[in-house]
Amino acid sequence: MCVQPTFIIGTNNEDGSYNFAPITWISVTNEKDNDYLLVISMFGTKTTKKNVIRTGMLSVNLVSTDMLELVDYFGTHHAECGKKDKIPYKVCRGDILDVPVLDESRWVYECEVVDSVKTGESTTFFCRIKNIQVDERIECDDTFDVDLTKLDPVIYSGMYHSIGKLIGKIGDFS
């Protein structure tokens, strides 16, 4: 079991259309100073992975509990079987990068790949965050001061979960 937040990755297909797929193998690392990189691992031969390799760009859309139907749909319908358009959702373009972004997502990263490592059938992408779009209803002074209960993220461990309550900040218990 590996507990992970759930994201929907947005990429551009070769014909200019968009593609979305859920990915939960996402973390962060620090390159230097305050230059953070998202670390995203993708397994197999999915269209999303091919698009990231081809374009070097992607959106990383955090999934909240009100997006459960959408993430489940994207996870059970594959691009190889046709356009994923059986349920309604709205798409816009990134503010900085030409990547598809889900209007429903409360927190979106626009990213460029700066490096990748292939291990077996997985490729791990190290992605520079070029822009963060945050829903105006989310109040935070910086990206490390976020009440996750307001983001209401879907947590994945083989099943979908949600977060119950805020229990404290670093230093509250020492």
N, C-alpha and C. Protein backbone atom coordinates (compact mmCIF):
# COMPACT_ATOMS: atom_id res chain seq x y z
N MET A 1 0.84 -1.18 0.00
CA MET A 1 0.00 0.00 0.00
C MET A 1 0.88 1.24 0.00
N CYS A 2 0.53 2.18 -0.82
CA CYS A 2 1.24 3.46 -0.87
C CYS A 2 0.18 4.56 -0.96
N VAL A 3 0.04 5.32 0.10
CA VAL A 3 -0.99 6.36 0.16
C VAL A 3 -0.52 7.57 -0.64
N GLN A 4 -1.35 7.99 -1.59
CA GLN A 4 -0.98 9.08 -2.49
C GLN A 4 -2.16 9.99 -2.77
N PRO A 5 -1.93 11.30 -2.92
CA PRO A 5 -3.00 12.16 -3.44
C PRO A 5 -3.26 11.78 -4.90
N THR A 6 -4.46 12.04 -5.36
CA THR A 6 -4.84 11.68 -6.73
C THR A 6 -4.80 12.93 -7.61
N PHE A 7 -4.16 12.79 -8.76
CA PHE A 7 -4.08 13.87 -9.73
C PHE A 7 -4.57 13.37 -11.08
N ILE A 8 -5.03 14.30 -11.89
CA ILE A 8 -5.34 14.01 -13.29
C ILE A 8 -4.33 14.78 -14.13
N ILE A 9 -3.57 14.04 -14.92
CA ILE A 9 -2.54 14.64 -15.78
C ILE A 9 -3.18 15.03 -17.11
N GLY A 10 -2.94 16.26 -17.52
CA GLY A 10 -3.44 16.75 -18.80
C GLY A 10 -2.31 16.90 -19.79
N THR A 11 -2.49 16.35 -20.99
CA THR A 11 -1.47 16.45 -22.05
C THR A 11 -2.13 16.77 -23.38
N ASN A 12 -1.30 17.17 -24.33
CA ASN A 12 -1.74 17.43 -25.69
C ASN A 12 -1.44 16.23 -26.58
N ASN A 13 -2.45 15.76 -27.28
CA ASN A 13 -2.25 14.70 -28.27
C ASN A 13 -1.59 15.29 -29.52
N GLU A 14 -1.09 14.42 -30.40
CA GLU A 14 -0.42 14.86 -31.62
C GLU A 14 -1.33 15.72 -32.50
N ASP A 15 -2.63 15.44 -32.50
CA ASP A 15 -3.57 16.19 -33.34
C ASP A 15 -4.03 17.50 -32.70
N GLY A 16 -3.49 17.84 -31.51
CA GLY A 16 -3.85 19.08 -30.83
C GLY A 16 -4.99 18.93 -29.83
N SER A 17 -5.65 17.79 -29.83
CA SER A 17 -6.70 17.55 -28.84
C SER A 17 -6.05 17.27 -27.48
N TYR A 18 -6.86 17.25 -26.44
CA TYR A 18 -6.33 17.01 -25.10
C TYR A 18 -6.60 15.59 -24.65
N ASN A 19 -5.82 15.16 -23.68
CA ASN A 19 -5.97 13.84 -23.08
C ASN A 19 -5.76 13.99 -21.58
N PHE A 20 -6.56 13.25 -20.80
CA PHE A 20 -6.43 13.27 -19.35
C PHE A 20 -6.36 11.84 -18.82
N ALA A 21 -5.55 11.64 -17.79
CA ALA A 21 -5.43 10.33 -17.14
C ALA A 21 -5.07 10.52 -15.68
N PRO A 22 -5.64 9.71 -14.79
CA PRO A 22 -5.27 9.79 -13.38
C PRO A 22 -3.90 9.17 -13.13
N ILE A 23 -3.12 9.84 -12.31
CA ILE A 23 -1.81 9.35 -11.89
C ILE A 23 -1.68 9.65 -10.40
N THR A 24 -1.23 8.68 -9.63
CA THR A 24 -1.07 8.92 -8.19
C THR A 24 0.38 8.83 -7.72
N TRP A 25 1.28 8.43 -8.58
CA TRP A 25 2.69 8.33 -8.19
C TRP A 25 3.36 9.67 -8.40
N ILE A 26 3.06 10.62 -7.51
CA ILE A 26 3.55 11.98 -7.62
C ILE A 26 4.11 12.43 -6.28
N SER A 27 5.28 13.06 -6.34
CA SER A 27 5.93 13.59 -5.15
C SER A 27 6.62 14.90 -5.54
N VAL A 28 7.48 15.38 -4.68
CA VAL A 28 8.20 16.62 -4.95
C VAL A 28 9.63 16.47 -4.45
N THR A 29 10.53 17.16 -5.11
CA THR A 29 11.91 17.22 -4.66
C THR A 29 12.39 18.66 -4.85
N ASN A 30 13.53 18.96 -4.25
CA ASN A 30 14.08 20.30 -4.33
C ASN A 30 15.36 20.26 -5.13
N GLU A 31 15.41 21.01 -6.21
CA GLU A 31 16.59 21.03 -7.06
C GLU A 31 17.67 21.93 -6.46
N LYS A 32 17.31 23.15 -6.13
CA LYS A 32 18.22 24.10 -5.50
C LYS A 32 17.39 25.26 -4.95
N ASP A 33 17.87 25.88 -3.91
CA ASP A 33 17.16 27.00 -3.28
C ASP A 33 15.68 26.64 -3.11
N ASN A 34 14.80 27.43 -3.70
CA ASN A 34 13.36 27.16 -3.63
C ASN A 34 12.82 26.70 -4.97
N ASP A 35 13.65 26.00 -5.72
CA ASP A 35 13.25 25.51 -7.04
C ASP A 35 12.77 24.07 -6.90
N TYR A 36 11.47 23.91 -6.73
CA TYR A 36 10.89 22.59 -6.51
C TYR A 36 10.53 21.93 -7.83
N LEU A 37 10.69 20.63 -7.87
CA LEU A 37 10.32 19.83 -9.03
C LEU A 37 9.29 18.81 -8.60
N LEU A 38 8.22 18.67 -9.39
CA LEU A 38 7.31 17.55 -9.18
C LEU A 38 7.97 16.31 -9.75
N VAL A 39 7.83 15.20 -9.07
CA VAL A 39 8.38 13.92 -9.50
C VAL A 39 7.18 13.03 -9.81
N ILE A 40 7.04 12.67 -11.08
CA ILE A 40 5.85 11.95 -11.54
C ILE A 40 6.28 10.67 -12.24
N SER A 41 5.82 9.53 -11.72
CA SER A 41 6.15 8.24 -12.34
C SER A 41 4.95 7.69 -13.08
N MET A 42 5.19 7.22 -14.29
CA MET A 42 4.14 6.62 -15.11
C MET A 42 4.62 5.27 -15.62
N PHE A 43 3.73 4.29 -15.51
CA PHE A 43 4.02 2.92 -15.90
C PHE A 43 3.38 2.62 -17.25
N GLY A 44 3.99 1.74 -18.00
CA GLY A 44 3.36 1.21 -19.21
C GLY A 44 3.52 2.07 -20.44
N THR A 45 2.54 1.93 -21.33
CA THR A 45 2.62 2.60 -22.65
C THR A 45 1.44 3.53 -22.88
N LYS A 46 0.86 4.06 -21.83
CA LYS A 46 -0.33 4.91 -21.95
C LYS A 46 -0.07 6.16 -22.79
N THR A 47 -1.10 6.65 -23.42
CA THR A 47 -1.04 7.84 -24.27
C THR A 47 -0.49 9.04 -23.50
N THR A 48 -0.91 9.20 -22.26
CA THR A 48 -0.43 10.32 -21.44
C THR A 48 1.09 10.31 -21.33
N LYS A 49 1.66 9.16 -21.06
CA LYS A 49 3.11 9.03 -20.95
C LYS A 49 3.79 9.37 -22.28
N LYS A 50 3.25 8.86 -23.37
CA LYS A 50 3.81 9.16 -24.70
C LYS A 50 3.74 10.66 -24.98
N ASN A 51 2.63 11.30 -24.61
CA ASN A 51 2.49 12.74 -24.84
C ASN A 51 3.50 13.54 -24.03
N VAL A 52 3.74 13.14 -22.78
CA VAL A 52 4.71 13.85 -21.95
C VAL A 52 6.11 13.70 -22.55
N ILE A 53 6.45 12.51 -22.99
CA ILE A 53 7.77 12.29 -23.62
C ILE A 53 7.90 13.14 -24.88
N ARG A 54 6.84 13.21 -25.68
CA ARG A 54 6.88 13.94 -26.95
C ARG A 54 6.91 15.46 -26.76
N THR A 55 6.08 16.00 -25.84
CA THR A 55 5.95 17.46 -25.71
C THR A 55 6.78 18.06 -24.59
N GLY A 56 7.06 17.27 -23.55
CA GLY A 56 7.79 17.79 -22.40
C GLY A 56 6.96 18.72 -21.53
N MET A 57 5.62 18.70 -21.69
CA MET A 57 4.74 19.57 -20.90
C MET A 57 3.52 18.80 -20.42
N LEU A 58 2.96 19.24 -19.28
CA LEU A 58 1.77 18.62 -18.75
C LEU A 58 1.13 19.52 -17.70
N SER A 59 -0.15 19.30 -17.47
CA SER A 59 -0.81 19.90 -16.31
C SER A 59 -1.02 18.80 -15.29
N VAL A 60 -0.99 19.18 -14.03
CA VAL A 60 -1.16 18.24 -12.93
C VAL A 60 -2.31 18.80 -12.09
N ASN A 61 -3.49 18.21 -12.26
CA ASN A 61 -4.73 18.71 -11.68
C ASN A 61 -5.09 17.89 -10.43
N LEU A 62 -5.07 18.52 -9.26
CA LEU A 62 -5.44 17.83 -8.03
C LEU A 62 -6.92 17.45 -8.09
N VAL A 63 -7.22 16.23 -7.67
CA VAL A 63 -8.59 15.74 -7.67
C VAL A 63 -9.20 15.94 -6.29
N SER A 64 -10.33 16.64 -6.24
CA SER A 64 -11.10 16.78 -5.00
C SER A 64 -12.27 15.80 -5.05
N THR A 65 -12.92 15.60 -3.90
CA THR A 65 -13.95 14.57 -3.83
C THR A 65 -15.12 14.83 -4.78
N ASP A 66 -15.37 16.09 -5.13
CA ASP A 66 -16.45 16.38 -6.08
C ASP A 66 -16.06 15.99 -7.51
N MET A 67 -14.84 15.54 -7.72
CA MET A 67 -14.37 15.11 -9.04
C MET A 67 -14.25 13.58 -9.14
N LEU A 68 -14.79 12.85 -8.17
CA LEU A 68 -14.64 11.39 -8.14
C LEU A 68 -15.17 10.71 -9.40
N GLU A 69 -16.33 11.10 -9.88
CA GLU A 69 -16.88 10.49 -11.09
C GLU A 69 -15.95 10.71 -12.27
N LEU A 70 -15.39 11.92 -12.37
CA LEU A 70 -14.50 12.25 -13.48
C LEU A 70 -13.20 11.45 -13.42
N VAL A 71 -12.55 11.38 -12.27
CA VAL A 71 -11.29 10.64 -12.17
C VAL A 71 -11.51 9.15 -12.41
N ASP A 72 -12.62 8.63 -11.91
CA ASP A 72 -12.91 7.22 -12.12
C ASP A 72 -13.17 6.95 -13.60
N TYR A 73 -13.87 7.86 -14.26
CA TYR A 73 -14.12 7.73 -15.70
C TYR A 73 -12.81 7.74 -16.48
N PHE A 74 -11.95 8.71 -16.18
CA PHE A 74 -10.66 8.78 -16.88
C PHE A 74 -9.82 7.53 -16.62
N GLY A 75 -9.93 6.95 -15.42
CA GLY A 75 -9.15 5.78 -15.08
C GLY A 75 -9.65 4.48 -15.70
N THR A 76 -10.92 4.48 -16.10
CA THR A 76 -11.50 3.25 -16.66
C THR A 76 -11.72 3.33 -18.17
N HIS A 77 -11.41 4.48 -18.76
CA HIS A 77 -11.54 4.67 -20.22
C HIS A 77 -10.20 5.14 -20.75
N HIS A 78 -9.67 4.43 -21.70
CA HIS A 78 -8.33 4.72 -22.19
C HIS A 78 -8.36 5.41 -23.55
N ALA A 79 -7.38 6.28 -23.77
CA ALA A 79 -7.32 7.06 -25.01
C ALA A 79 -7.28 6.18 -26.25
N GLU A 80 -6.69 5.02 -26.13
CA GLU A 80 -6.61 4.11 -27.28
C GLU A 80 -8.00 3.68 -27.76
N CYS A 81 -9.00 3.79 -26.89
CA CYS A 81 -10.38 3.37 -27.21
C CYS A 81 -11.22 4.53 -27.73
N GLY A 82 -10.64 5.71 -27.86
CA GLY A 82 -11.38 6.86 -28.38
C GLY A 82 -11.41 8.01 -27.40
N LYS A 83 -12.01 9.11 -27.85
CA LYS A 83 -12.09 10.33 -27.05
C LYS A 83 -12.88 10.09 -25.77
N LYS A 84 -12.39 10.66 -24.69
CA LYS A 84 -13.03 10.52 -23.38
C LYS A 84 -14.03 11.66 -23.22
N ASP A 85 -15.24 11.46 -23.74
CA ASP A 85 -16.22 12.54 -23.74
C ASP A 85 -17.64 12.09 -23.35
N LYS A 86 -17.74 10.98 -22.64
CA LYS A 86 -19.06 10.45 -22.27
C LYS A 86 -19.67 11.14 -21.05
N ILE A 87 -18.87 11.87 -20.29
CA ILE A 87 -19.42 12.66 -19.19
C ILE A 87 -18.92 14.10 -19.36
N PRO A 88 -19.69 15.09 -18.89
CA PRO A 88 -19.30 16.49 -19.11
C PRO A 88 -18.17 16.95 -18.19
N TYR A 89 -17.28 17.74 -18.74
CA TYR A 89 -16.24 18.43 -17.98
C TYR A 89 -15.74 19.58 -18.84
N LYS A 90 -15.20 20.59 -18.18
CA LYS A 90 -14.73 21.79 -18.89
C LYS A 90 -13.21 21.85 -18.86
N VAL A 91 -12.66 22.26 -20.00
CA VAL A 91 -11.21 22.34 -20.16
C VAL A 91 -10.85 23.75 -20.62
N CYS A 92 -9.79 24.30 -20.04
CA CYS A 92 -9.22 25.55 -20.53
C CYS A 92 -7.73 25.30 -20.77
N ARG A 93 -7.02 26.29 -21.22
CA ARG A 93 -5.58 26.18 -21.45
C ARG A 93 -4.83 26.76 -20.26
N GLY A 94 -3.62 26.32 -20.06
CA GLY A 94 -2.80 26.84 -18.98
C GLY A 94 -2.54 28.33 -19.14
N ASP A 95 -2.25 29.00 -18.03
CA ASP A 95 -1.94 30.43 -18.06
C ASP A 95 -0.55 30.70 -18.62
N ILE A 96 0.39 29.78 -18.39
CA ILE A 96 1.78 29.96 -18.81
C ILE A 96 2.16 28.99 -19.92
N LEU A 97 1.77 27.74 -19.78
CA LEU A 97 2.11 26.71 -20.77
C LEU A 97 0.87 26.31 -21.57
N ASP A 98 1.09 25.85 -22.78
CA ASP A 98 0.00 25.39 -23.64
C ASP A 98 -0.35 23.94 -23.28
N VAL A 99 -1.01 23.79 -22.13
CA VAL A 99 -1.43 22.48 -21.64
C VAL A 99 -2.91 22.55 -21.28
N PRO A 100 -3.63 21.43 -21.41
CA PRO A 100 -5.04 21.43 -21.02
C PRO A 100 -5.17 21.36 -19.50
N VAL A 101 -6.12 22.15 -18.97
CA VAL A 101 -6.36 22.25 -17.54
C VAL A 101 -7.84 21.99 -17.28
N LEU A 102 -8.13 21.25 -16.23
CA LEU A 102 -9.52 20.98 -15.86
C LEU A 102 -10.06 22.13 -15.01
N ASP A 103 -11.17 22.73 -15.45
CA ASP A 103 -11.79 23.82 -14.70
C ASP A 103 -12.17 23.41 -13.28
N GLU A 104 -12.55 22.14 -13.09
CA GLU A 104 -13.02 21.67 -11.79
C GLU A 104 -11.92 21.58 -10.74
N SER A 105 -10.67 21.49 -11.15
CA SER A 105 -9.59 21.28 -10.20
C SER A 105 -9.32 22.55 -9.39
N ARG A 106 -9.17 22.37 -8.09
CA ARG A 106 -8.93 23.50 -7.19
C ARG A 106 -7.45 23.89 -7.10
N TRP A 107 -6.56 23.00 -7.58
CA TRP A 107 -5.12 23.25 -7.50
C TRP A 107 -4.49 22.60 -8.73
N VAL A 108 -3.84 23.40 -9.56
CA VAL A 108 -3.27 22.90 -10.81
C VAL A 108 -1.83 23.39 -10.95
N TYR A 109 -0.95 22.45 -11.28
CA TYR A 109 0.43 22.79 -11.64
C TYR A 109 0.56 22.74 -13.15
N GLU A 110 1.22 23.73 -13.72
CA GLU A 110 1.62 23.69 -15.13
C GLU A 110 3.11 23.38 -15.10
N CYS A 111 3.53 22.30 -15.77
CA CYS A 111 4.89 21.80 -15.62
C CYS A 111 5.60 21.54 -16.94
N GLU A 112 6.93 21.72 -16.90
CA GLU A 112 7.83 21.33 -18.00
C GLU A 112 8.78 20.26 -17.48
N VAL A 113 8.97 19.24 -18.27
CA VAL A 113 9.90 18.17 -17.90
C VAL A 113 11.33 18.67 -18.07
N VAL A 114 12.16 18.49 -17.03
CA VAL A 114 13.57 18.88 -17.12
C VAL A 114 14.48 17.67 -17.16
N ASP A 115 13.96 16.51 -16.74
CA ASP A 115 14.76 15.29 -16.76
C ASP A 115 13.81 14.10 -16.62
N SER A 116 14.28 12.94 -17.01
CA SER A 116 13.49 11.73 -16.83
C SER A 116 14.43 10.55 -16.64
N VAL A 117 13.92 9.54 -15.94
CA VAL A 117 14.67 8.32 -15.68
C VAL A 117 13.75 7.15 -15.99
N LYS A 118 14.24 6.23 -16.81
CA LYS A 118 13.46 5.05 -17.16
C LYS A 118 13.95 3.88 -16.30
N THR A 119 12.99 3.20 -15.67
CA THR A 119 13.28 2.03 -14.86
C THR A 119 12.26 0.96 -15.25
N GLY A 120 12.71 -0.07 -15.94
CA GLY A 120 11.78 -1.09 -16.41
C GLY A 120 10.74 -0.47 -17.31
N GLU A 121 9.47 -0.69 -17.01
CA GLU A 121 8.38 -0.14 -17.80
C GLU A 121 7.89 1.21 -17.28
N SER A 122 8.56 1.74 -16.26
CA SER A 122 8.19 3.04 -15.69
C SER A 122 9.15 4.12 -16.14
N THR A 123 8.61 5.30 -16.30
CA THR A 123 9.44 6.49 -16.54
C THR A 123 9.09 7.49 -15.45
N THR A 124 10.10 8.02 -14.79
CA THR A 124 9.91 9.04 -13.77
C THR A 124 10.35 10.37 -14.37
N PHE A 125 9.43 11.32 -14.34
CA PHE A 125 9.67 12.66 -14.91
C PHE A 125 9.91 13.64 -13.77
N PHE A 126 10.95 14.45 -13.92
CA PHE A 126 11.24 15.54 -13.00
C PHE A 126 10.77 16.81 -13.69
N CYS A 127 9.78 17.47 -13.09
CA CYS A 127 9.07 18.54 -13.77
C CYS A 127 9.18 19.86 -13.03
N ARG A 128 9.66 20.88 -13.73
CA ARG A 128 9.73 22.23 -13.16
C ARG A 128 8.32 22.82 -13.16
N ILE A 129 7.93 23.33 -12.02
CA ILE A 129 6.62 23.97 -11.89
C ILE A 129 6.73 25.38 -12.46
N LYS A 130 6.02 25.62 -13.55
CA LYS A 130 6.06 26.93 -14.22
C LYS A 130 4.94 27.85 -13.72
N ASN A 131 3.87 27.26 -13.20
CA ASN A 131 2.75 28.05 -12.70
C ASN A 131 1.89 27.17 -11.81
N ILE A 132 1.28 27.80 -10.80
CA ILE A 132 0.32 27.11 -9.95
C ILE A 132 -0.98 27.91 -10.00
N GLN A 133 -2.05 27.24 -10.38
CA GLN A 133 -3.38 27.86 -10.36
C GLN A 133 -4.10 27.36 -9.11
N VAL A 134 -4.56 28.28 -8.28
CA VAL A 134 -5.24 27.92 -7.04
C VAL A 134 -6.63 28.55 -7.06
N ASP A 135 -7.64 27.74 -6.77
CA ASP A 135 -9.02 28.22 -6.70
C ASP A 135 -9.09 29.37 -5.70
N GLU A 136 -9.79 30.42 -6.05
CA GLU A 136 -9.86 31.61 -5.20
C GLU A 136 -10.50 31.33 -3.84
N ARG A 137 -11.24 30.24 -3.70
CA ARG A 137 -11.84 29.87 -2.41
C ARG A 137 -10.82 29.30 -1.44
N ILE A 138 -9.66 28.93 -1.92
CA ILE A 138 -8.61 28.36 -1.07
C ILE A 138 -7.76 29.50 -0.54
N GLU A 139 -7.77 29.66 0.77
CA GLU A 139 -6.99 30.72 1.40
C GLU A 139 -5.67 30.15 1.88
N CYS A 140 -4.56 30.71 1.37
CA CYS A 140 -3.25 30.30 1.86
C CYS A 140 -2.26 31.42 1.62
N ASP A 141 -1.36 31.60 2.57
CA ASP A 141 -0.33 32.62 2.45
C ASP A 141 0.78 32.18 1.51
N ASP A 142 1.05 30.88 1.51
CA ASP A 142 2.02 30.30 0.57
C ASP A 142 1.63 28.85 0.34
N THR A 143 2.34 28.18 -0.55
CA THR A 143 1.95 26.82 -0.93
C THR A 143 2.21 25.78 0.15
N PHE A 144 2.85 26.18 1.25
CA PHE A 144 3.06 25.26 2.37
C PHE A 144 2.08 25.54 3.51
N ASP A 145 1.17 26.47 3.31
CA ASP A 145 0.20 26.85 4.32
C ASP A 145 -1.21 26.63 3.78
N VAL A 146 -1.53 25.36 3.50
CA VAL A 146 -2.81 25.03 2.89
C VAL A 146 -3.58 24.09 3.81
N ASP A 147 -4.83 24.44 4.08
CA ASP A 147 -5.71 23.55 4.83
C ASP A 147 -6.28 22.54 3.84
N LEU A 148 -5.76 21.32 3.89
CA LEU A 148 -6.19 20.29 2.94
C LEU A 148 -7.67 19.97 3.03
N THR A 149 -8.29 20.22 4.18
CA THR A 149 -9.72 19.95 4.27
C THR A 149 -10.51 20.87 3.34
N LYS A 150 -9.97 22.04 3.03
CA LYS A 150 -10.64 22.95 2.08
C LYS A 150 -10.38 22.51 0.64
N LEU A 151 -9.21 21.92 0.38
CA LEU A 151 -8.95 21.36 -0.95
C LEU A 151 -9.76 20.10 -1.16
N ASP A 152 -10.02 19.37 -0.07
CA ASP A 152 -10.81 18.14 -0.08
C ASP A 152 -10.28 17.13 -1.09
N PRO A 153 -8.97 16.81 -1.02
CA PRO A 153 -8.37 15.93 -2.03
C PRO A 153 -8.80 14.47 -1.89
N VAL A 154 -8.78 13.78 -2.99
CA VAL A 154 -8.99 12.34 -3.00
C VAL A 154 -7.63 11.69 -2.76
N ILE A 155 -7.59 10.80 -1.80
CA ILE A 155 -6.37 10.06 -1.47
C ILE A 155 -6.58 8.63 -1.97
N TYR A 156 -5.56 8.08 -2.62
CA TYR A 156 -5.69 6.77 -3.23
C TYR A 156 -4.71 5.78 -2.60
N SER A 157 -5.21 4.59 -2.30
CA SER A 157 -4.37 3.50 -1.79
C SER A 157 -4.89 2.17 -2.32
N GLY A 158 -5.37 2.17 -3.56
CA GLY A 158 -6.07 1.02 -4.10
C GLY A 158 -7.58 1.25 -4.04
N MET A 159 -8.00 2.16 -3.15
CA MET A 159 -9.38 2.61 -3.02
C MET A 159 -9.33 4.13 -2.81
N TYR A 160 -10.45 4.79 -3.02
CA TYR A 160 -10.54 6.24 -2.83
C TYR A 160 -10.85 6.57 -1.38
N HIS A 161 -10.15 7.59 -0.84
CA HIS A 161 -10.38 8.07 0.52
C HIS A 161 -10.42 9.59 0.51
N SER A 162 -10.88 10.18 1.61
CA SER A 162 -10.85 11.63 1.77
C SER A 162 -10.22 11.95 3.12
N ILE A 163 -9.92 13.23 3.32
CA ILE A 163 -9.29 13.69 4.55
C ILE A 163 -10.39 14.16 5.51
N GLY A 164 -10.28 13.77 6.78
CA GLY A 164 -11.32 14.09 7.75
C GLY A 164 -11.22 15.45 8.40
N LYS A 165 -10.05 15.78 8.97
CA LYS A 165 -9.96 17.05 9.69
C LYS A 165 -8.51 17.50 9.81
N LEU A 166 -8.32 18.78 10.01
CA LEU A 166 -7.01 19.35 10.28
C LEU A 166 -6.69 19.08 11.74
N ILE A 167 -5.52 18.50 12.03
CA ILE A 167 -5.17 18.18 13.42
C ILE A 167 -4.02 18.99 13.99
N GLY A 168 -3.37 19.85 13.19
CA GLY A 168 -2.32 20.70 13.71
C GLY A 168 -1.26 21.02 12.69
N LYS A 169 -0.34 21.88 13.11
CA LYS A 169 0.79 22.30 12.27
C LYS A 169 2.08 21.86 12.95
N ILE A 170 3.17 21.89 12.20
CA ILE A 170 4.48 21.57 12.76
C ILE A 170 4.77 22.50 13.92
N GLY A 171 5.17 21.94 15.04
CA GLY A 171 5.48 22.71 16.23
C GLY A 171 4.33 22.80 17.23
N ASP A 172 3.13 22.42 16.83
CA ASP A 172 1.98 22.48 17.74
C ASP A 172 2.08 21.48 18.89
N PHE A 173 2.90 20.44 18.76
CA PHE A 173 2.88 19.36 19.73
C PHE A 173 4.21 19.20 20.47
N SER A 174 5.11 20.15 20.32
CA SER A 174 6.40 20.01 21.02
C SER A 174 6.58 21.09 22.06
